[in-house]
Amino acid sequence: MGKYSSHGVGWSEVTQLMAGLQGIHECTVELTVTTGGQGHNGLLAFTVLAWVPTVEAHHTREVGKLMRSWPDKTHPTLESAVFNALYDLDREIGKHYEQQAFK
C-alpha cells in the first residue's frame, strides 16, 4: 500500500485502497463528498459506494454503500475518515457475498 506517512493516512492511501477494493471485488468504488447540514457549519457528508454493471434496467447493482460525516471524534482528518469507511465498505461487500446462493 505504499509508504505510511508519519502524518497519518493521506489521499494516496485512500486511492490505493479504492483501487484495491475494485480489483479484489471486481466492482467500481465511488467516493462522493457534499456539505453536511446547512453548509456553514463546516460539516462534510460523504458516501462510499460499490457497484457492478448489469444488463438490467438500472445498469448497476449496489453491492455496498455507507454514508458518514466528518469531522467526528474518531478521525483527525477527512482522509482517515474515508480510509476507515472504505474498510467498512469492504466488510459490507463481504456480507453481500455471504447472502448469495451457490448454484
Protein backbone atom coordinates (compact mmCIF):
# COMPACT_ATOMS: atom_id res chain seq x y z
CA MET A 1 0.00 0.00 0.00
CA GLY A 2 2.84 2.42 -0.35
CA LYS A 3 4.64 4.28 2.38
CA TYR A 4 2.77 5.17 5.53
CA SER A 5 3.27 8.83 6.28
CA SER A 6 4.16 9.98 9.77
CA HIS A 7 1.32 12.45 9.33
CA GLY A 8 -1.24 9.65 9.04
CA VAL A 9 -3.33 8.46 6.13
CA GLY A 10 -3.31 10.64 3.02
CA TRP A 11 -5.24 10.76 -0.22
CA SER A 12 -2.73 8.46 -1.95
CA GLU A 13 -3.53 5.70 0.57
CA VAL A 14 -7.25 6.33 0.06
CA THR A 15 -6.96 6.00 -3.72
CA GLN A 16 -4.79 2.89 -3.41
CA LEU A 17 -7.37 1.26 -1.14
CA MET A 18 -10.18 2.19 -3.54
CA ALA A 19 -8.25 0.64 -6.43
CA GLY A 20 -7.50 -2.45 -4.35
CA LEU A 21 -11.17 -2.95 -3.47
CA GLN A 22 -12.11 -2.54 -7.11
CA GLY A 23 -9.62 -5.21 -8.13
CA ILE A 24 -10.48 -7.69 -5.38
CA HIS A 25 -14.25 -7.41 -5.69
CA GLU A 26 -14.44 -6.67 -9.44
CA CYS A 27 -16.62 -3.62 -8.84
CA THR A 28 -16.47 0.15 -9.10
CA VAL A 29 -15.86 2.09 -5.89
CA GLU A 30 -17.01 5.71 -5.70
CA LEU A 31 -16.48 8.47 -3.15
CA THR A 32 -18.91 11.39 -3.05
CA VAL A 33 -18.37 14.38 -0.75
CA THR A 34 -21.04 17.01 -0.04
CA THR A 35 -21.61 19.66 2.57
CA GLY A 36 -23.47 18.36 5.58
CA GLY A 37 -26.23 20.28 7.25
CA GLN A 38 -26.65 23.84 6.08
CA GLY A 39 -23.19 24.26 4.60
CA HIS A 40 -21.96 26.90 7.03
CA ASN A 41 -21.16 24.64 9.96
CA GLY A 42 -18.09 23.01 8.40
CA LEU A 43 -19.65 19.53 8.40
CA LEU A 44 -18.98 17.30 5.39
CA ALA A 45 -21.05 14.29 4.42
CA PHE A 46 -19.52 11.55 2.33
CA THR A 47 -20.65 8.31 0.76
CA VAL A 48 -18.59 5.33 -0.30
CA LEU A 49 -20.37 3.14 -2.81
CA ALA A 50 -19.50 -0.12 -4.55
CA TRP A 51 -21.42 -1.24 -7.62
CA VAL A 52 -21.22 -3.64 -10.51
CA PRO A 53 -22.64 -3.20 -14.02
CA THR A 54 -25.71 -5.20 -15.00
CA VAL A 55 -27.84 -5.68 -18.09
CA GLU A 56 -30.98 -4.78 -16.15
CA ALA A 57 -32.91 -1.52 -16.43
CA HIS A 58 -30.76 0.48 -13.99
CA HIS A 59 -27.50 -0.85 -15.46
CA THR A 60 -25.87 -1.08 -11.99
CA ARG A 61 -26.30 -3.11 -8.81
CA GLU A 62 -25.09 -1.80 -5.48
CA VAL A 63 -23.01 -4.27 -3.52
CA GLY A 64 -22.24 -1.91 -0.65
CA LYS A 65 -22.96 1.65 0.44
CA LEU A 66 -22.02 3.63 3.55
CA MET A 67 -22.74 7.24 4.45
CA ARG A 68 -20.68 9.10 7.04
CA SER A 69 -20.00 12.64 8.19
CA TRP A 70 -16.85 14.45 9.23
CA PRO A 71 -15.43 15.97 11.41
CA ASP A 72 -16.04 13.38 14.09
CA LYS A 73 -14.42 12.42 17.38
CA THR A 74 -12.53 9.44 15.95
CA HIS A 75 -10.76 10.69 12.81
CA PRO A 76 -8.39 13.66 12.85
CA THR A 77 -8.59 14.15 9.05
CA LEU A 78 -11.13 13.62 6.29
CA GLU A 79 -8.68 11.23 4.63
CA SER A 80 -8.58 8.98 7.70
CA ALA A 81 -12.39 9.00 7.95
CA VAL A 82 -12.73 7.99 4.29
CA PHE A 83 -10.00 5.34 4.61
CA ASN A 84 -11.75 3.70 7.56
CA ALA A 85 -15.12 3.91 5.79
CA LEU A 86 -13.56 2.05 2.85
CA TYR A 87 -12.52 -0.77 5.18
CA ASP A 88 -16.10 -0.86 6.48
CA LEU A 89 -17.29 -0.93 2.86
CA ASP A 90 -15.10 -3.98 2.28
CA ARG A 91 -16.90 -5.74 5.13
CA GLU A 92 -20.25 -4.61 3.71
CA ILE A 93 -19.37 -6.11 0.32
CA GLY A 94 -18.40 -9.32 2.13
CA LYS A 95 -21.91 -9.52 3.61
CA HIS A 96 -23.26 -9.37 0.07
CA TYR A 97 -21.18 -12.41 -0.87
CA GLU A 98 -22.45 -14.32 2.17
CA GLN A 99 -26.06 -13.76 1.08
CA GLN A 100 -25.55 -15.08 -2.45
CA ALA A 101 -26.64 -18.67 -3.03
CA PHE A 102 -24.21 -21.02 -4.76
CA LYS A 103 -25.55 -22.85 -7.81
